[in-house]
C-alpha atoms as a PDB file:
ATOM      1  CA  MET A   1      82.490  94.795 110.006  1.00  0.00           C
ATOM      2  CA  SER A   2      81.419  97.348 112.586  1.00  0.00           C
ATOM      3  CA  VAL A   3      80.146 100.836 111.799  1.00  0.00           C
ATOM      4  CA  CYS A   4      83.331 102.415 113.133  1.00  0.00           C
ATOM      5  CA  ARG A   5      85.510 100.321 110.801  1.00  0.00           C
ATOM      6  CA  GLU A   6      83.274 101.180 107.854  1.00  0.00           C
ATOM      7  CA  ASN A   7      83.592 104.864 108.674  1.00  0.00           C
ATOM      8  CA  THR A   8      87.393 104.654 108.748  1.00  0.00           C
ATOM      9  CA  ASN A   9      87.389 102.981 105.331  1.00  0.00           C
ATOM     10  CA  ILE A  10      85.012 105.626 103.964  1.00  0.00           C
ATOM     11  CA  ARG A  11      87.162 108.404 105.445  1.00  0.00           C
ATOM     12  CA  ASP A  12      90.313 106.885 103.963  1.00  0.00           C
ATOM     13  CA  ASN A  13      88.652 106.552 100.557  1.00  0.00           C
ATOM     14  CA  HIS A  14      87.616 110.221 100.755  1.00  0.00           C
ATOM     15  CA  ARG A  15      91.250 111.138 101.473  1.00  0.00           C
ATOM     16  CA  ARG A  16      92.381 109.118  98.452  1.00  0.00           C
ATOM     17  CA  LEU A  17      89.934 110.959  96.211  1.00  0.00           C
ATOM     18  CA  LEU A  18      91.025 114.354  97.559  1.00  0.00           C
ATOM     19  CA  ALA A  19      94.703 113.499  97.138  1.00  0.00           C
ATOM     20  CA  GLU A  20      94.104 112.503  93.538  1.00  0.00           C
ATOM     21  CA  LYS A  21      92.097 115.661  92.869  1.00  0.00           C
ATOM     22  CA  PHE A  22      94.684 118.096  94.293  1.00  0.00           C
ATOM     23  CA  GLU A  23      97.860 116.204  93.326  1.00  0.00           C
ATOM     24  CA  LEU A  24      98.892 118.399  90.390  1.00  0.00           C
ATOM     25  CA  ARG A  25      98.110 121.651  92.154  1.00  0.00           C
ATOM     26  CA  ARG A  26      99.975 120.573  95.304  1.00  0.00           C
ATOM     27  CA  ASN A  27     103.046 119.493  93.299  1.00  0.00           C
ATOM     28  CA  LEU A  28     103.042 122.798  91.395  1.00  0.00           C
ATOM     29  CA  TYR A  29     102.887 124.887  94.579  1.00  0.00           C
ATOM     30  CA  LYS A  30     105.621 122.792  96.198  1.00  0.00           C
ATOM     31  CA  ALA A  31     107.909 123.152  93.196  1.00  0.00           C
ATOM     32  CA  LEU A  32     107.393 126.921  93.092  1.00  0.00           C
ATOM     33  CA  CYS A  33     108.067 127.200  96.830  1.00  0.00           C
ATOM     34  CA  LYS A  34     111.355 125.312  96.554  1.00  0.00           C
ATOM     35  CA  ASP A  35     112.632 127.204  93.493  1.00  0.00           C
ATOM     36  CA  THR A  36     115.226 129.641  94.848  1.00  0.00           C
ATOM     37  CA  SER A  37     115.582 131.485  91.537  1.00  0.00           C
ATOM     38  CA  LEU A  38     112.087 132.976  91.928  1.00  0.00           C
ATOM     39  CA  PRO A  39     111.456 136.179  93.915  1.00  0.00           C
ATOM     40  CA  ASP A  40     110.558 135.785  97.588  1.00  0.00           C
ATOM     41  CA  GLU A  41     107.115 137.347  97.164  1.00  0.00           C
ATOM     42  CA  LEU A  42     106.115 134.753  94.575  1.00  0.00           C
ATOM     43  CA  ARG A  43     107.451 131.906  96.703  1.00  0.00           C
ATOM     44  CA  GLU A  44     105.587 133.220  99.741  1.00  0.00           C
ATOM     45  CA  GLU A  45     102.380 133.500  97.728  1.00  0.00           C
ATOM     46  CA  ASN A  46     102.672 129.862  96.646  1.00  0.00           C
ATOM     47  CA  ARG A  47     103.395 128.790 100.232  1.00  0.00           C
ATOM     48  CA  TYR A  48     100.167 130.513 101.250  1.00  0.00           C
ATOM     49  CA  LYS A  49      98.232 128.761  98.456  1.00  0.00           C
ATOM     50  CA  LEU A  50      99.736 125.425  99.530  1.00  0.00           C
ATOM     51  CA  SER A  51      98.618 126.008 103.097  1.00  0.00           C
ATOM     52  CA  LYS A  52      95.061 126.732 101.934  1.00  0.00           C
ATOM     53  CA  LEU A  53      94.674 123.327 100.261  1.00  0.00           C
ATOM     54  CA  PRO A  54      92.668 120.770 102.276  1.00  0.00           C
ATOM     55  CA  ARG A  55      94.789 118.851 104.764  1.00  0.00           C
ATOM     56  CA  ASN A  56      93.259 115.552 103.738  1.00  0.00           C
ATOM     57  CA  SER A  57      94.460 116.113 100.170  1.00  0.00           C
ATOM     58  CA  SER A  58      98.008 115.247 101.221  1.00  0.00           C
ATOM     59  CA  PHE A  59      99.314 111.779 100.334  1.00  0.00           C
ATOM     60  CA  THR A  60     100.812 111.386 103.804  1.00  0.00           C
ATOM     61  CA  ARG A  61      97.298 111.255 105.243  1.00  0.00           C
ATOM     62  CA  ILE A  62      96.401 108.126 103.249  1.00  0.00           C
ATOM     63  CA  ARG A  63      96.550 104.860 105.180  1.00  0.00           C
ATOM     64  CA  ASN A  64      96.474 101.414 103.596  1.00  0.00           C
ATOM     65  CA  ARG A  65      93.511  99.643 105.197  1.00  0.00           C
ATOM     66  CA  CYS A  66      92.046  96.175 104.950  1.00  0.00           C
ATOM     67  CA  ILE A  67      88.958  96.243 102.721  1.00  0.00           C
ATOM     68  CA  PHE A  68      87.291  93.522 104.808  1.00  0.00           C
ATOM     69  CA  SER A  69      88.020  94.480 108.412  1.00  0.00           C
ATOM     70  CA  GLY A  70      89.223  98.095 108.176  1.00  0.00           C
ATOM     71  CA  ARG A  71      92.415  97.210 110.030  1.00  0.00           C
ATOM     72  CA  GLY A  72      95.189  99.736 109.457  1.00  0.00           C
ATOM     73  CA  ARG A  73      98.196  97.654 110.430  1.00  0.00           C
ATOM     74  CA  ALA A  74      99.809  94.596 108.839  1.00  0.00           C
ATOM     75  CA  VAL A  75      98.025  95.091 105.522  1.00  0.00           C
ATOM     76  CA  TYR A  76      99.364  93.349 102.412  1.00  0.00           C
ATOM     77  CA  GLU A  77      99.369  96.024  99.748  1.00  0.00           C
ATOM     78  CA  THR A  78      98.921  93.653  96.788  1.00  0.00           C
ATOM     79  CA  PHE A  79      95.835  91.994  98.285  1.00  0.00           C
ATOM     80  CA  ARG A  80      94.560  95.042 100.259  1.00  0.00           C
ATOM     81  CA  MET A  81      93.746  92.830 103.248  1.00  0.00           C
ATOM     82  CA  SER A  82      95.188  92.347 106.687  1.00  0.00           C
ATOM     83  CA  ARG A  83      97.333  89.378 107.638  1.00  0.00           C
ATOM     84  CA  ILE A  84      94.503  87.919 109.724  1.00  0.00           C
ATOM     85  CA  VAL A  85      91.938  87.993 106.912  1.00  0.00           C
ATOM     86  CA  PHE A  86      94.568  86.832 104.425  1.00  0.00           C
ATOM     87  CA  ARG A  87      95.426  83.794 106.539  1.00  0.00           C
ATOM     88  CA  ALA A  88      91.776  82.886 107.045  1.00  0.00           C
ATOM     89  CA  LEU A  89      90.924  83.137 103.351  1.00  0.00           C
ATOM     90  CA  ALA A  90      94.107  81.353 102.241  1.00  0.00           C
ATOM     91  CA  SER A  91      93.504  78.433 104.585  1.00  0.00           C
ATOM     92  CA  LYS A  92      89.965  78.071 103.215  1.00  0.00           C
ATOM     93  CA  GLY A  93      91.375  78.079  99.663  1.00  0.00           C
ATOM     94  CA  MET A  94      89.482  81.202  98.632  1.00  0.00           C
ATOM     95  CA  LEU A  95      92.538  83.029  97.222  1.00  0.00           C
ATOM     96  CA  ASN A  96      93.595  81.897  93.768  1.00  0.00           C
ATOM     97  CA  GLY A  97      97.261  81.005  93.442  1.00  0.00           C
ATOM     98  CA  VAL A  98      97.917  81.083  97.177  1.00  0.00           C
ATOM     99  CA  LYS A  99      98.573  77.920  99.148  1.00  0.00           C
ATOM    100  CA  LYS A 100     100.155  77.146 102.465  1.00  0.00           C
ATOM    101  CA  ALA A 101     103.848  76.424 102.323  1.00  0.00           C
ATOM    102  CA  SER A 102     105.053  73.067 103.641  1.00  0.00           C
ATOM    103  CA  TRP A 103     108.503  71.601 103.337  1.00  0.00           C
END
């Protein structure tokens, strides 16, 4: 795996850690912003606090990546690997319980 791919995996892992760390705080601020029964000043204050959280702490920034190649597309979530790596490992018989279908 190249250095660039390793960096993308490291960056994505950092985003996952940040999202986990700020999850409760972000959900609290969002709920207080959406609550129309609260005064506008309080809602505006919580909107400001929400905007001051790190951008990478949002769950929408997280990308499922292949742990072997760093590929960001066509990744099987259960195996955390791309279709290319999955096919190569499955054909070599290195994945338990996975075999090629033939009928």
